[in-house]
Amino acid sequence: MSASQEKAPPTRLTQAQRRQQTKEKVLRCAAERFGRCGFAETSLADIAEDAGITVTPIYHYFGNKLQLFTAVTEYYEDRLASRMAAMRSRGSWVLPDVWELFLNVMQEPGFSRVVLMDAIHVLGRERWPETSVFREVKSLLGSAKAPVEAHLAGQFSDAESELLIRMVISALAEAALTLAADPTLDARSLMTRLLAMLGLDQVQLLSE
């Protein structure tokens, strides 16, 4: 066999790459464990066992259980925010599309338990304005402007805009918890009928 035909030796990861892989694995395992068991019933030892490591690297990368849970919450939130951003980047969308996206995310394992149940009690509601989801909802509503001017005349003040965003997020959170308790509810049909009643079934939200 010629030298050119010989298999090249596998590329060895650098120490920094190995550390990054371990950190990402811990985050994935923590997301799965927190999403399945909840914050109170999850220990760092559980997560370490799932990741096949000792607890020491978790302390090194994330500090403590609360900081790791914060990272997991942001991980779930960023997944929703990125999908909202992708929808917004298309230029326009109808309201049922937003509801469909929301329903799909709610069905993902772990999201409701971490973001909508535990995070509210463990991390508090005051962090909402700093979250990626809050920023995307604000962009979706038109960067503090009225989102559907044909139906909502005028402009929102900054205070009114923030209140509206909190109302939207709270409503979605409550809807998600209700759907989690009773998955048989036909939420898609309900939204279609509600928007038709309000005359918003064909209204588009335009990105800036």
Protein backbone atom coordinates (compact mmCIF):
# COMPACT_ATOMS: atom_id res chain seq x y z
CA MET A 1 0.00 0.00 0.00
CA SER A 2 1.37 3.35 -1.01
CA ALA A 3 1.76 6.20 1.40
CA SER A 4 -1.09 8.03 -0.30
CA GLN A 5 -3.38 5.05 0.30
CA GLU A 6 -2.58 4.77 3.98
CA LYS A 7 -5.25 6.06 6.29
CA ALA A 8 -4.45 9.33 7.90
CA PRO A 9 -4.26 9.12 11.69
CA PRO A 10 -7.36 10.43 13.43
CA THR A 11 -7.18 14.07 14.33
CA ARG A 12 -6.62 14.48 18.03
CA LEU A 13 -8.80 17.00 19.78
CA THR A 14 -7.15 19.81 21.60
CA GLN A 15 -7.67 20.18 25.32
CA ALA A 16 -9.94 23.17 24.67
CA GLN A 17 -12.06 21.11 22.25
CA ARG A 18 -12.39 18.26 24.73
CA ARG A 19 -13.46 20.69 27.42
CA GLN A 20 -16.05 22.23 25.12
CA GLN A 21 -17.42 18.79 24.24
CA THR A 22 -17.72 17.92 27.91
CA LYS A 23 -19.45 21.21 28.68
CA GLU A 24 -21.96 20.68 25.85
CA LYS A 25 -22.60 17.11 26.99
CA VAL A 26 -23.29 18.29 30.54
CA LEU A 27 -25.72 20.89 29.21
CA ARG A 28 -27.58 18.30 27.10
CA CYS A 29 -27.79 15.84 29.98
CA ALA A 30 -28.92 18.57 32.37
CA ALA A 31 -31.60 19.71 29.92
CA GLU A 32 -32.93 16.18 29.65
CA ARG A 33 -32.82 15.54 33.41
CA PHE A 34 -34.30 18.88 34.48
CA GLY A 35 -36.95 18.55 31.78
CA ARG A 36 -37.93 15.09 32.94
CA CYS A 37 -37.57 15.32 36.71
CA GLY A 38 -37.72 19.03 37.50
CA PHE A 39 -35.35 21.29 39.39
CA ALA A 40 -36.12 20.09 42.92
CA GLU A 41 -35.80 16.39 42.10
CA THR A 42 -32.56 16.71 40.14
CA SER A 43 -29.08 16.69 41.69
CA LEU A 44 -25.72 17.43 40.14
CA ALA A 45 -24.78 13.84 40.92
CA ASP A 46 -27.69 12.68 38.71
CA ILE A 47 -26.49 14.84 35.84
CA ALA A 48 -22.89 13.75 36.30
CA GLU A 49 -23.96 10.11 36.17
CA ASP A 50 -25.96 10.73 32.98
CA ALA A 51 -22.95 12.45 31.39
CA GLY A 52 -20.51 9.76 32.52
CA ILE A 53 -18.30 12.17 34.47
CA THR A 54 -17.70 13.26 38.04
CA VAL A 55 -19.41 16.25 39.61
CA THR A 56 -16.17 18.28 39.62
CA PRO A 57 -16.30 19.37 35.94
CA ILE A 58 -19.88 20.56 36.41
CA TYR A 59 -18.78 22.89 39.19
CA HIS A 60 -15.90 24.01 37.01
CA TYR A 61 -18.04 24.83 33.95
CA PHE A 62 -21.28 26.00 35.56
CA GLY A 63 -20.53 26.90 39.16
CA ASN A 64 -23.50 25.30 40.94
CA LYS A 65 -26.93 23.76 40.38
CA LEU A 66 -28.72 27.11 40.08
CA GLN A 67 -26.29 28.41 37.47
CA LEU A 68 -26.56 25.16 35.52
CA PHE A 69 -30.36 25.38 35.64
CA THR A 70 -30.13 28.96 34.37
CA ALA A 71 -28.00 27.77 31.45
CA VAL A 72 -30.52 25.01 30.68
CA THR A 73 -33.41 27.49 30.80
CA GLU A 74 -31.58 29.78 28.38
CA TYR A 75 -30.83 26.77 26.17
CA TYR A 76 -34.55 26.00 25.85
CA GLU A 77 -35.48 29.66 25.44
CA ASP A 78 -32.87 30.20 22.73
CA ARG A 79 -34.29 27.28 20.75
CA LEU A 80 -37.71 28.93 20.72
CA ALA A 81 -36.25 32.38 20.03
CA SER A 82 -34.20 31.12 17.09
CA ARG A 83 -37.30 29.59 15.48
CA MET A 84 -39.19 32.83 16.01
CA ALA A 85 -36.29 34.77 14.47
CA ALA A 86 -36.28 32.45 11.46
CA MET A 87 -39.99 33.07 10.98
CA ARG A 88 -39.50 36.83 11.33
CA SER A 89 -36.67 36.81 8.81
CA ARG A 90 -39.08 35.63 6.12
CA GLY A 91 -40.59 39.12 6.15
CA SER A 92 -44.19 38.41 7.08
CA TRP A 93 -46.39 35.72 8.55
CA VAL A 94 -49.98 35.18 9.59
CA LEU A 95 -51.00 34.84 13.21
CA PRO A 96 -51.92 31.13 12.96
CA ASP A 97 -48.29 30.47 11.95
CA VAL A 98 -47.10 31.93 15.25
CA TRP A 99 -49.56 29.77 17.18
CA GLU A 100 -48.48 26.68 15.25
CA LEU A 101 -44.84 27.37 16.09
CA PHE A 102 -45.75 27.81 19.72
CA LEU A 103 -47.67 24.53 19.83
CA ASN A 104 -44.80 22.63 18.23
CA VAL A 105 -42.31 23.96 20.76
CA MET A 106 -44.63 23.14 23.66
CA GLN A 107 -44.61 19.51 22.55
CA GLU A 108 -40.83 19.27 22.78
CA PRO A 109 -39.77 17.22 25.84
CA GLY A 110 -38.64 19.33 28.76
CA PHE A 111 -39.60 22.79 27.54
CA SER A 112 -42.80 23.26 29.53
CA ARG A 113 -41.33 21.78 32.71
CA VAL A 114 -38.17 23.91 32.63
CA VAL A 115 -39.27 27.22 31.09
CA LEU A 116 -42.91 27.53 32.07
CA MET A 117 -43.01 25.79 35.44
CA ASP A 118 -39.70 25.61 37.27
CA ALA A 119 -37.93 28.67 35.85
CA ILE A 120 -40.73 31.00 36.93
CA HIS A 121 -40.39 29.86 40.55
CA VAL A 122 -36.64 29.23 40.67
CA LEU A 123 -35.39 32.19 38.62
CA GLY A 124 -38.33 34.59 38.94
CA ARG A 125 -40.34 36.62 36.45
CA GLU A 126 -38.12 39.68 36.72
CA ARG A 127 -35.63 38.13 34.32
CA TRP A 128 -38.14 38.05 31.45
CA PRO A 129 -37.14 41.36 29.79
CA GLU A 130 -33.58 40.04 29.44
CA THR A 131 -34.52 36.74 27.81
CA SER A 132 -34.12 35.94 24.12
CA VAL A 133 -37.81 35.00 23.89
CA PHE A 134 -38.91 38.35 25.29
CA ARG A 135 -36.74 40.18 22.75
CA GLU A 136 -38.15 38.12 19.89
CA VAL A 137 -41.73 38.70 21.00
CA LYS A 138 -40.96 42.42 21.09
CA SER A 139 -39.58 42.24 17.57
CA LEU A 140 -42.59 40.21 16.47
CA LEU A 141 -44.90 42.93 17.78
CA GLY A 142 -43.06 45.48 15.68
CA SER A 143 -40.38 46.89 17.96
CA ALA A 144 -42.80 48.64 20.31
CA LYS A 145 -45.16 49.66 17.46
CA ALA A 146 -48.68 48.47 16.91
CA PRO A 147 -48.37 45.06 15.19
CA VAL A 148 -51.53 45.17 13.12
CA GLU A 149 -52.32 48.81 12.47
CA ALA A 150 -55.44 47.98 10.44
CA HIS A 151 -57.02 46.66 13.62
CA LEU A 152 -55.08 48.44 16.36
CA ALA A 153 -54.80 52.10 15.54
CA GLY A 154 -52.03 54.27 16.99
CA GLN A 155 -48.72 53.55 18.60
CA PHE A 156 -47.79 51.93 21.90
CA SER A 157 -45.61 53.75 24.40
CA ASP A 158 -42.59 51.88 25.74
CA ALA A 159 -44.42 51.10 28.99
CA GLU A 160 -47.51 49.92 27.11
CA SER A 161 -45.39 47.80 24.80
CA GLU A 162 -43.67 46.04 27.69
CA LEU A 163 -47.01 45.42 29.38
CA LEU A 164 -48.41 43.98 26.14
CA ILE A 165 -45.42 41.67 25.74
CA ARG A 166 -45.80 40.42 29.31
CA MET A 167 -49.48 39.79 28.65
CA VAL A 168 -48.67 37.78 25.52
CA ILE A 169 -45.98 35.70 27.22
CA SER A 170 -48.16 35.07 30.28
CA ALA A 171 -51.08 34.02 28.09
CA LEU A 172 -48.90 31.62 26.10
CA ALA A 173 -47.43 30.16 29.28
CA GLU A 174 -50.88 29.54 30.77
CA ALA A 175 -52.07 28.02 27.50
CA ALA A 176 -49.08 25.69 27.45
CA LEU A 177 -49.72 24.48 31.00
CA THR A 178 -53.38 23.88 30.18
CA LEU A 179 -52.45 21.90 27.07
CA ALA A 180 -49.91 19.89 29.05
CA ALA A 181 -52.65 18.96 31.53
CA ASP A 182 -55.08 18.01 28.75
CA PRO A 183 -53.32 17.13 25.47
CA THR A 184 -56.68 16.20 23.89
CA LEU A 185 -57.69 19.85 23.56
CA ASP A 186 -57.84 20.93 19.91
CA ALA A 187 -55.82 24.13 20.29
CA ARG A 188 -55.32 24.63 16.57
CA SER A 189 -59.04 24.65 15.83
CA LEU A 190 -59.66 26.92 18.80
CA MET A 191 -57.16 29.53 17.57
CA THR A 192 -58.56 29.41 14.03
CA ARG A 193 -62.09 30.07 15.29
CA LEU A 194 -60.95 32.79 17.70
CA LEU A 195 -58.98 34.70 15.06
CA ALA A 196 -61.91 34.46 12.65
CA MET A 197 -64.23 35.92 15.28
CA LEU A 198 -61.82 38.83 15.82
CA GLY A 199 -61.26 39.35 12.10
CA LEU A 200 -57.55 38.57 12.49
CA ASP A 201 -57.40 35.26 10.67
CA GLN A 202 -55.67 36.74 7.62
CA VAL A 203 -53.80 39.60 9.27
CA GLN A 204 -50.07 39.52 8.79
CA LEU A 205 -47.42 40.77 11.18
CA LEU A 206 -44.75 42.59 9.18
CA SER A 207 -41.16 42.65 10.31
CA GLU A 208 -39.27 45.91 10.10
